[in-house]
Amino acid sequence: MIKGLHHNAYRCRDSEETRAFYEDFLGLPLAKSLEIGTTKTGRSTQALHTFYRLGDGSYLAFFEVPGQAFPFRPQHDYDLHIALEVSPAALEEMLAKGQAAGMEVRGPAEHDFIRSIYFRDPNGYVIELTAKSAEHDIMMDPARNGARATLDAWQAAKATAAE
């Protein structure tokens, strides 16, 4: 049985730039750095794997792999974004902090069940900081929100459009 998320891992351009954003700006402590010189299959490599601890005990992790091509580009929100939960007060503080630092910041955006602001990290990933609304848990309850019916209707509409 899956207990929860241990970590999500992404590529990074530069481990120190990434650390400065995630640790110094967002406040996620660097928990582990693992230098990898040989893969488990015996291949020689050069990589640094870093882990940043979230408040629930899970981690965001990054691989810096010099010399191995990776298409870094500013990601679109729909392509890839990392959403991290904060309190409503922290959401306002981080909005002001990002604006004061001259960072790319968007929001706040009201999504009914959450309120969000958006940053871009040094690797081009969209970072969403989000605070739950008072109705969050009710709105995320599939027994009440019709999640399966919405998915089924989406699939049916796609099938009809393809005919």
N, C-alpha and C. Protein backbone atom coordinates (compact mmCIF):
# COMPACT_ATOMS: atom_id res chain seq x y z
N MET A 1 0.84 -1.19 0.00
CA MET A 1 0.00 0.00 0.00
C MET A 1 0.89 1.25 0.00
N ILE A 2 0.58 2.17 -0.84
CA ILE A 2 1.34 3.42 -0.90
C ILE A 2 1.02 4.26 0.32
N LYS A 3 2.06 4.66 1.04
CA LYS A 3 1.89 5.45 2.26
C LYS A 3 1.88 6.94 1.99
N GLY A 4 2.56 7.38 0.95
CA GLY A 4 2.66 8.81 0.65
C GLY A 4 3.80 9.04 -0.31
N LEU A 5 4.07 10.29 -0.55
CA LEU A 5 5.14 10.68 -1.46
C LEU A 5 6.44 10.82 -0.68
N HIS A 6 7.49 10.12 -1.11
CA HIS A 6 8.80 10.34 -0.50
C HIS A 6 9.47 11.53 -1.16
N HIS A 7 9.63 11.49 -2.51
CA HIS A 7 10.20 12.63 -3.21
C HIS A 7 9.79 12.63 -4.68
N ASN A 8 9.77 13.79 -5.24
CA ASN A 8 9.69 14.00 -6.69
C ASN A 8 11.05 14.53 -7.09
N ALA A 9 11.58 14.04 -8.20
CA ALA A 9 12.92 14.47 -8.64
C ALA A 9 12.84 15.12 -10.02
N TYR A 10 13.61 16.18 -10.17
CA TYR A 10 13.67 16.97 -11.39
C TYR A 10 15.13 17.25 -11.72
N ARG A 11 15.40 17.59 -12.97
CA ARG A 11 16.75 18.02 -13.36
C ARG A 11 16.94 19.47 -12.96
N CYS A 12 18.19 19.84 -12.70
CA CYS A 12 18.51 21.25 -12.44
C CYS A 12 19.76 21.63 -13.22
N ARG A 13 19.85 22.92 -13.54
CA ARG A 13 21.01 23.44 -14.27
C ARG A 13 22.23 23.53 -13.36
N ASP A 14 21.99 24.04 -12.15
CA ASP A 14 23.08 24.34 -11.22
C ASP A 14 22.57 24.09 -9.80
N SER A 15 23.22 23.21 -9.08
CA SER A 15 22.76 22.83 -7.75
C SER A 15 22.75 23.99 -6.76
N GLU A 16 23.72 24.89 -6.84
CA GLU A 16 23.75 26.02 -5.92
C GLU A 16 22.64 27.02 -6.22
N GLU A 17 22.41 27.32 -7.50
CA GLU A 17 21.28 28.20 -7.86
C GLU A 17 19.96 27.60 -7.36
N THR A 18 19.82 26.31 -7.55
CA THR A 18 18.61 25.62 -7.12
C THR A 18 18.49 25.67 -5.60
N ARG A 19 19.60 25.43 -4.89
CA ARG A 19 19.58 25.51 -3.43
C ARG A 19 19.18 26.88 -2.95
N ALA A 20 19.72 27.93 -3.57
CA ALA A 20 19.40 29.29 -3.15
C ALA A 20 17.90 29.56 -3.27
N PHE A 21 17.28 29.07 -4.34
CA PHE A 21 15.84 29.29 -4.51
C PHE A 21 15.04 28.48 -3.49
N TYR A 22 15.30 27.18 -3.42
CA TYR A 22 14.48 26.31 -2.58
C TYR A 22 14.77 26.48 -1.08
N GLU A 23 16.02 26.68 -0.72
CA GLU A 23 16.34 26.82 0.70
C GLU A 23 16.25 28.27 1.16
N ASP A 24 16.97 29.17 0.49
CA ASP A 24 17.01 30.56 0.95
C ASP A 24 15.70 31.29 0.70
N PHE A 25 15.09 31.11 -0.48
CA PHE A 25 13.87 31.85 -0.79
C PHE A 25 12.62 31.14 -0.24
N LEU A 26 12.44 29.86 -0.59
CA LEU A 26 11.23 29.17 -0.15
C LEU A 26 11.31 28.67 1.29
N GLY A 27 12.52 28.48 1.81
CA GLY A 27 12.67 28.01 3.19
C GLY A 27 12.64 26.51 3.36
N LEU A 28 12.89 25.76 2.29
CA LEU A 28 12.94 24.30 2.39
C LEU A 28 14.38 23.88 2.68
N PRO A 29 14.64 23.29 3.83
CA PRO A 29 16.03 22.96 4.18
C PRO A 29 16.62 21.87 3.29
N LEU A 30 17.86 22.09 2.90
CA LEU A 30 18.62 21.06 2.19
C LEU A 30 18.83 19.92 3.17
N ALA A 31 18.30 18.74 2.86
CA ALA A 31 18.34 17.61 3.78
C ALA A 31 19.44 16.62 3.44
N LYS A 32 19.75 16.47 2.15
CA LYS A 32 20.76 15.49 1.74
C LYS A 32 21.32 15.87 0.39
N SER A 33 22.62 15.64 0.22
CA SER A 33 23.29 15.76 -1.07
C SER A 33 24.02 14.45 -1.30
N LEU A 34 23.81 13.88 -2.46
CA LEU A 34 24.37 12.58 -2.79
C LEU A 34 25.11 12.69 -4.11
N GLU A 35 26.44 12.55 -4.07
CA GLU A 35 27.23 12.56 -5.30
C GLU A 35 27.24 11.15 -5.87
N ILE A 36 26.92 11.05 -7.16
CA ILE A 36 26.83 9.75 -7.83
C ILE A 36 27.93 9.69 -8.88
N GLY A 37 28.85 8.75 -8.71
CA GLY A 37 29.95 8.57 -9.66
C GLY A 37 29.80 7.31 -10.50
N THR A 38 29.01 6.37 -9.98
CA THR A 38 28.74 5.13 -10.69
C THR A 38 27.28 4.77 -10.48
N THR A 39 26.60 4.42 -11.56
CA THR A 39 25.20 4.02 -11.43
C THR A 39 25.14 2.62 -10.82
N LYS A 40 23.96 2.21 -10.41
CA LYS A 40 23.79 0.87 -9.82
C LYS A 40 24.06 -0.23 -10.83
N THR A 41 24.04 0.12 -12.12
CA THR A 41 24.37 -0.87 -13.16
C THR A 41 25.84 -0.82 -13.56
N GLY A 42 26.65 0.01 -12.85
CA GLY A 42 28.08 0.04 -13.08
C GLY A 42 28.57 1.07 -14.08
N ARG A 43 27.67 1.89 -14.64
CA ARG A 43 28.10 2.92 -15.59
C ARG A 43 28.73 4.08 -14.84
N SER A 44 29.78 4.64 -15.39
CA SER A 44 30.42 5.82 -14.83
C SER A 44 29.55 7.04 -15.15
N THR A 45 29.37 7.89 -14.17
CA THR A 45 28.55 9.08 -14.35
C THR A 45 29.06 10.18 -13.42
N GLN A 46 28.55 11.36 -13.60
CA GLN A 46 28.84 12.46 -12.69
C GLN A 46 27.53 13.18 -12.45
N ALA A 47 26.98 13.02 -11.25
CA ALA A 47 25.70 13.63 -10.92
C ALA A 47 25.68 14.00 -9.45
N LEU A 48 24.93 15.04 -9.14
CA LEU A 48 24.67 15.41 -7.75
C LEU A 48 23.17 15.37 -7.56
N HIS A 49 22.73 14.62 -6.55
CA HIS A 49 21.31 14.48 -6.24
C HIS A 49 21.07 15.18 -4.91
N THR A 50 20.22 16.21 -4.90
CA THR A 50 19.95 16.98 -3.69
C THR A 50 18.48 16.84 -3.30
N PHE A 51 18.21 16.90 -2.00
CA PHE A 51 16.87 16.71 -1.45
C PHE A 51 16.54 17.87 -0.51
N TYR A 52 15.35 18.44 -0.69
CA TYR A 52 14.85 19.54 0.14
C TYR A 52 13.60 19.07 0.87
N ARG A 53 13.61 19.19 2.20
CA ARG A 53 12.53 18.66 3.04
C ARG A 53 11.34 19.60 3.09
N LEU A 54 10.15 19.01 2.86
CA LEU A 54 8.90 19.72 3.03
C LEU A 54 8.36 19.47 4.43
N GLY A 55 7.43 20.26 4.86
CA GLY A 55 6.91 20.17 6.21
C GLY A 55 6.26 18.85 6.57
N ASP A 56 5.80 18.08 5.59
CA ASP A 56 5.16 16.80 5.87
C ASP A 56 6.14 15.63 5.89
N GLY A 57 7.44 15.93 5.71
CA GLY A 57 8.46 14.88 5.72
C GLY A 57 8.80 14.34 4.34
N SER A 58 8.12 14.80 3.30
CA SER A 58 8.48 14.40 1.94
C SER A 58 9.54 15.37 1.41
N TYR A 59 10.01 15.14 0.19
CA TYR A 59 11.12 15.92 -0.34
C TYR A 59 10.89 16.31 -1.79
N LEU A 60 11.45 17.45 -2.17
CA LEU A 60 11.67 17.79 -3.57
C LEU A 60 13.14 17.50 -3.81
N ALA A 61 13.44 16.84 -4.92
CA ALA A 61 14.81 16.44 -5.19
C ALA A 61 15.20 16.90 -6.60
N PHE A 62 16.51 17.08 -6.78
CA PHE A 62 17.03 17.55 -8.06
C PHE A 62 18.29 16.79 -8.41
N PHE A 63 18.49 16.59 -9.72
CA PHE A 63 19.71 16.01 -10.25
C PHE A 63 20.42 17.07 -11.09
N GLU A 64 21.68 17.35 -10.77
CA GLU A 64 22.54 18.11 -11.67
C GLU A 64 23.44 17.09 -12.34
N VAL A 65 23.41 17.04 -13.68
CA VAL A 65 24.18 16.07 -14.44
C VAL A 65 24.93 16.81 -15.54
N PRO A 66 26.12 17.35 -15.21
CA PRO A 66 26.88 18.08 -16.23
C PRO A 66 27.20 17.20 -17.43
N GLY A 67 27.10 17.77 -18.60
CA GLY A 67 27.46 17.05 -19.82
C GLY A 67 26.36 16.16 -20.36
N GLN A 68 25.26 16.02 -19.65
CA GLN A 68 24.14 15.23 -20.17
C GLN A 68 23.04 16.20 -20.57
N ALA A 69 22.74 16.27 -21.85
CA ALA A 69 21.78 17.23 -22.38
C ALA A 69 20.41 17.06 -21.75
N PHE A 70 19.77 18.17 -21.50
CA PHE A 70 18.40 18.20 -20.99
C PHE A 70 17.76 19.48 -21.50
N PRO A 71 16.54 19.41 -22.03
CA PRO A 71 15.92 20.59 -22.63
C PRO A 71 15.30 21.54 -21.59
N PHE A 72 16.15 22.27 -20.88
CA PHE A 72 15.63 23.25 -19.93
C PHE A 72 14.92 24.34 -20.71
N ARG A 73 13.73 24.68 -20.28
CA ARG A 73 12.98 25.77 -20.90
C ARG A 73 11.93 26.22 -19.89
N PRO A 74 11.47 27.44 -20.02
CA PRO A 74 10.38 27.87 -19.14
C PRO A 74 9.15 26.99 -19.38
N GLN A 75 8.72 26.30 -18.38
CA GLN A 75 7.58 25.40 -18.50
C GLN A 75 6.27 26.18 -18.46
N HIS A 76 5.29 25.70 -19.19
CA HIS A 76 3.93 26.23 -19.10
C HIS A 76 3.26 25.54 -17.92
N ASP A 77 2.39 26.26 -17.25
CA ASP A 77 1.70 25.68 -16.08
C ASP A 77 1.06 24.33 -16.39
N TYR A 78 0.48 24.18 -17.59
CA TYR A 78 -0.19 22.93 -17.93
C TYR A 78 0.79 21.80 -18.20
N ASP A 79 2.03 22.13 -18.57
CA ASP A 79 3.01 21.11 -18.86
C ASP A 79 3.61 20.53 -17.60
N LEU A 80 3.99 21.41 -16.69
CA LEU A 80 4.63 20.95 -15.47
C LEU A 80 4.61 22.10 -14.46
N HIS A 81 4.11 21.83 -13.28
CA HIS A 81 4.27 22.78 -12.19
C HIS A 81 4.29 22.01 -10.88
N ILE A 82 4.93 22.60 -9.90
CA ILE A 82 5.06 21.99 -8.58
C ILE A 82 4.25 22.86 -7.63
N ALA A 83 3.20 22.28 -7.04
CA ALA A 83 2.33 23.02 -6.13
C ALA A 83 2.65 22.64 -4.69
N LEU A 84 2.97 23.64 -3.90
CA LEU A 84 3.35 23.44 -2.50
C LEU A 84 2.35 24.17 -1.61
N GLU A 85 1.86 23.49 -0.59
CA GLU A 85 0.86 24.07 0.30
C GLU A 85 1.51 24.96 1.35
N VAL A 86 0.91 26.13 1.57
CA VAL A 86 1.31 27.06 2.62
C VAL A 86 0.04 27.57 3.32
N SER A 87 0.22 28.27 4.42
CA SER A 87 -0.92 28.89 5.10
C SER A 87 -1.33 30.14 4.33
N PRO A 88 -2.56 30.63 4.54
CA PRO A 88 -2.97 31.87 3.89
C PRO A 88 -2.03 33.04 4.21
N ALA A 89 -1.57 33.13 5.45
CA ALA A 89 -0.65 34.21 5.83
C ALA A 89 0.68 34.08 5.09
N ALA A 90 1.18 32.86 4.99
CA ALA A 90 2.46 32.63 4.28
C ALA A 90 2.31 32.95 2.80
N LEU A 91 1.13 32.71 2.24
CA LEU A 91 0.91 33.03 0.83
C LEU A 91 1.11 34.52 0.59
N GLU A 92 0.55 35.34 1.44
CA GLU A 92 0.70 36.80 1.32
C GLU A 92 2.16 37.22 1.55
N GLU A 93 2.81 36.61 2.53
CA GLU A 93 4.22 36.93 2.82
C GLU A 93 5.12 36.59 1.64
N MET A 94 4.89 35.42 1.03
CA MET A 94 5.73 34.99 -0.09
C MET A 94 5.46 35.83 -1.33
N LEU A 95 4.23 36.28 -1.52
CA LEU A 95 3.92 37.18 -2.63
C LEU A 95 4.72 38.46 -2.48
N ALA A 96 4.69 39.05 -1.29
CA ALA A 96 5.44 40.29 -1.03
C ALA A 96 6.95 40.05 -1.14
N LYS A 97 7.43 38.92 -0.64
CA LYS A 97 8.86 38.60 -0.69
C LYS A 97 9.33 38.48 -2.14
N GLY A 98 8.56 37.79 -2.96
CA GLY A 98 8.91 37.63 -4.37
C GLY A 98 8.90 38.95 -5.12
N GLN A 99 7.89 39.77 -4.87
CA GLN A 99 7.80 41.08 -5.51
C GLN A 99 8.97 41.96 -5.09
N ALA A 100 9.31 41.94 -3.80
CA ALA A 100 10.41 42.76 -3.30
C ALA A 100 11.75 42.32 -3.89
N ALA A 101 11.87 41.03 -4.19
CA ALA A 101 13.11 40.50 -4.76
C ALA A 101 13.16 40.69 -6.28
N GLY A 102 12.10 41.23 -6.87
CA GLY A 102 12.06 41.43 -8.31
C GLY A 102 11.89 40.15 -9.10
N MET A 103 11.34 39.13 -8.47
CA MET A 103 11.15 37.83 -9.12
C MET A 103 9.90 37.86 -9.99
N GLU A 104 9.85 36.94 -10.96
CA GLU A 104 8.63 36.72 -11.72
C GLU A 104 7.62 36.09 -10.76
N VAL A 105 6.52 36.78 -10.53
CA VAL A 105 5.48 36.27 -9.63
C VAL A 105 4.12 36.62 -10.22
N ARG A 106 3.20 35.66 -10.18
CA ARG A 106 1.84 35.87 -10.67
C ARG A 106 0.86 35.52 -9.56
N GLY A 107 -0.27 36.21 -9.57
CA GLY A 107 -1.32 35.90 -8.62
C GLY A 107 -1.53 37.02 -7.65
N PRO A 108 -2.38 36.80 -6.71
CA PRO A 108 -3.02 35.54 -6.38
C PRO A 108 -4.14 35.18 -7.36
N ALA A 109 -4.32 33.88 -7.54
CA ALA A 109 -5.38 33.33 -8.38
C ALA A 109 -6.35 32.55 -7.48
N GLU A 110 -7.61 32.84 -7.63
CA GLU A 110 -8.65 32.15 -6.85
C GLU A 110 -9.14 30.95 -7.65
N HIS A 111 -9.00 29.76 -7.08
CA HIS A 111 -9.44 28.53 -7.74
C HIS A 111 -10.58 27.86 -6.96
N ASP A 112 -11.30 28.60 -6.17
CA ASP A 112 -12.40 28.11 -5.31
C ASP A 112 -11.90 27.25 -4.15
N PHE A 113 -11.27 26.11 -4.45
CA PHE A 113 -10.82 25.23 -3.37
C PHE A 113 -9.44 25.60 -2.85
N ILE A 114 -8.68 26.40 -3.63
CA ILE A 114 -7.36 26.89 -3.22
C ILE A 114 -7.16 28.30 -3.76
N ARG A 115 -6.23 29.01 -3.16
CA ARG A 115 -5.77 30.33 -3.62
C ARG A 115 -4.29 30.20 -3.86
N SER A 116 -3.79 30.67 -5.02
CA SER A 116 -2.41 30.37 -5.42
C SER A 116 -1.66 31.60 -5.91
N ILE A 117 -0.33 31.53 -5.74
CA ILE A 117 0.60 32.45 -6.40
C ILE A 117 1.64 31.58 -7.09
N TYR A 118 2.30 32.18 -8.09
CA TYR A 118 3.20 31.41 -8.94
C TYR A 118 4.54 32.12 -9.10
N PHE A 119 5.61 31.33 -9.01
CA PHE A 119 6.97 31.79 -9.25
C PHE A 119 7.57 30.91 -10.34
N ARG A 120 8.74 31.29 -10.84
CA ARG A 120 9.50 30.42 -11.73
C ARG A 120 10.86 30.19 -11.06
N ASP A 121 11.25 28.92 -10.93
CA ASP A 121 12.53 28.62 -10.30
C ASP A 121 13.66 28.79 -11.32
N PRO A 122 14.93 28.66 -10.90
CA PRO A 122 16.05 28.88 -11.82
C PRO A 122 16.13 27.89 -12.98
N ASN A 123 15.36 26.81 -12.90
CA ASN A 123 15.39 25.78 -13.94
C ASN A 123 14.25 25.93 -14.94
N GLY A 124 13.37 26.91 -14.72
CA GLY A 124 12.24 27.14 -15.61
C GLY A 124 10.95 26.51 -15.14
N TYR A 125 10.97 25.81 -14.00
CA TYR A 125 9.77 25.17 -13.49
C TYR A 125 8.86 26.19 -12.82
N VAL A 126 7.56 26.03 -13.01
CA VAL A 126 6.59 26.88 -12.33
C VAL A 126 6.37 26.30 -10.93
N ILE A 127 6.53 27.17 -9.94
CA ILE A 127 6.30 26.79 -8.55
C ILE A 127 5.05 27.50 -8.08
N GLU A 128 4.05 26.73 -7.70
CA GLU A 128 2.78 27.27 -7.22
C GLU A 128 2.76 27.13 -5.70
N LEU A 129 2.57 28.24 -5.01
CA LEU A 129 2.33 28.19 -3.57
C LEU A 129 0.83 28.35 -3.42
N THR A 130 0.22 27.47 -2.63
CA THR A 130 -1.23 27.43 -2.56
C THR A 130 -1.71 27.28 -1.12
N ALA A 131 -2.78 27.98 -0.81
CA ALA A 131 -3.42 27.89 0.50
C ALA A 131 -4.83 27.34 0.30
N LYS A 132 -5.21 26.38 1.12
CA LYS A 132 -6.53 25.77 1.02
C LYS A 132 -7.62 26.75 1.45
N SER A 133 -8.77 26.68 0.77
CA SER A 133 -9.94 27.45 1.19
C SER A 133 -10.64 26.69 2.31
N ALA A 134 -11.58 27.33 2.97
CA ALA A 134 -12.34 26.67 4.03
C ALA A 134 -13.13 25.48 3.48
N GLU A 135 -13.50 25.53 2.21
CA GLU A 135 -14.29 24.47 1.58
C GLU A 135 -13.42 23.40 0.90
N HIS A 136 -12.13 23.50 1.02
CA HIS A 136 -11.21 22.61 0.30
C HIS A 136 -11.57 21.14 0.43
N ASP A 137 -11.69 20.64 1.64
CA ASP A 137 -11.89 19.21 1.84
C ASP A 137 -13.21 18.73 1.24
N ILE A 138 -14.25 19.53 1.35
CA ILE A 138 -15.53 19.17 0.75
C ILE A 138 -15.41 19.17 -0.77
N MET A 139 -14.74 20.18 -1.32
CA MET A 139 -14.61 20.29 -2.77
C MET A 139 -13.71 19.21 -3.37
N MET A 140 -12.82 18.64 -2.57
CA MET A 140 -11.93 17.58 -3.04
C MET A 140 -12.45 16.18 -2.72
N ASP A 141 -13.65 16.07 -2.20
CA ASP A 141 -14.25 14.78 -1.85
C ASP A 141 -14.94 14.20 -3.09
N PRO A 142 -14.40 13.12 -3.67
CA PRO A 142 -14.99 12.58 -4.90
C PRO A 142 -16.42 12.08 -4.72
N ALA A 143 -16.83 11.78 -3.49
CA ALA A 143 -18.20 11.36 -3.25
C ALA A 143 -19.17 12.53 -3.42
N ARG A 144 -18.65 13.76 -3.35
CA ARG A 144 -19.50 14.95 -3.45
C ARG A 144 -19.28 15.76 -4.73
N ASN A 145 -18.10 15.65 -5.34
CA ASN A 145 -17.75 16.58 -6.41
C ASN A 145 -17.94 16.03 -7.82
N GLY A 146 -18.31 14.79 -7.96
CA GLY A 146 -18.56 14.23 -9.29
C GLY A 146 -17.31 14.06 -10.13
N ALA A 147 -16.18 13.81 -9.50
CA ALA A 147 -14.90 13.69 -10.23
C ALA A 147 -14.97 12.64 -11.33
N ARG A 148 -15.51 11.48 -11.02
CA ARG A 148 -15.56 10.40 -12.02
C ARG A 148 -16.51 10.76 -13.16
N ALA A 149 -17.65 11.37 -12.85
CA ALA A 149 -18.60 11.75 -13.90
C ALA A 149 -17.99 12.81 -14.82
N THR A 150 -17.23 13.73 -14.25
CA THR A 150 -16.57 14.76 -15.07
C THR A 150 -15.54 14.13 -15.99
N LEU A 151 -14.74 13.20 -15.47
CA LEU A 151 -13.76 12.50 -16.29
C LEU A 151 -14.45 11.70 -17.40
N ASP A 152 -15.50 10.97 -17.05
CA ASP A 152 -16.21 10.17 -18.04
C ASP A 152 -16.80 11.06 -19.14
N ALA A 153 -17.37 12.20 -18.78
CA ALA A 153 -17.93 13.13 -19.76
C ALA A 153 -16.84 13.67 -20.68
N TRP A 154 -15.68 13.98 -20.11
CA TRP A 154 -14.53 14.46 -20.90
C TRP A 154 -14.13 13.42 -21.93
N GLN A 155 -14.00 12.18 -21.49
CA GLN A 155 -13.60 11.09 -22.38
C GLN A 155 -14.63 10.88 -23.50
N ALA A 156 -15.91 10.94 -23.16
CA ALA A 156 -16.97 10.77 -24.14
C ALA A 156 -16.94 11.89 -25.18
N ALA A 157 -16.73 13.13 -24.71
CA ALA A 157 -16.66 14.26 -25.63
C ALA A 157 -15.46 14.12 -26.58
N LYS A 158 -14.33 13.65 -26.08
CA LYS A 158 -13.16 13.42 -26.94
C LYS A 158 -13.46 12.36 -27.99
N ALA A 159 -14.11 11.30 -27.59
CA ALA A 159 -14.43 10.21 -28.52
C ALA A 159 -15.38 10.71 -29.61
N THR A 160 -16.35 11.52 -29.22
CA THR A 160 -17.31 12.06 -30.19
C THR A 160 -16.61 13.00 -31.16
N ALA A 161 -15.70 13.83 -30.66
CA ALA A 161 -14.98 14.78 -31.50
C ALA A 161 -14.06 14.06 -32.50
N ALA A 162 -13.56 12.88 -32.12
CA ALA A 162 -12.63 12.14 -32.97
C ALA A 162 -13.36 11.41 -34.11
N GLU A 163 -14.67 11.27 -33.99
CA GLU A 163 -15.43 10.53 -35.02
C GLU A 163 -15.61 11.33 -36.28
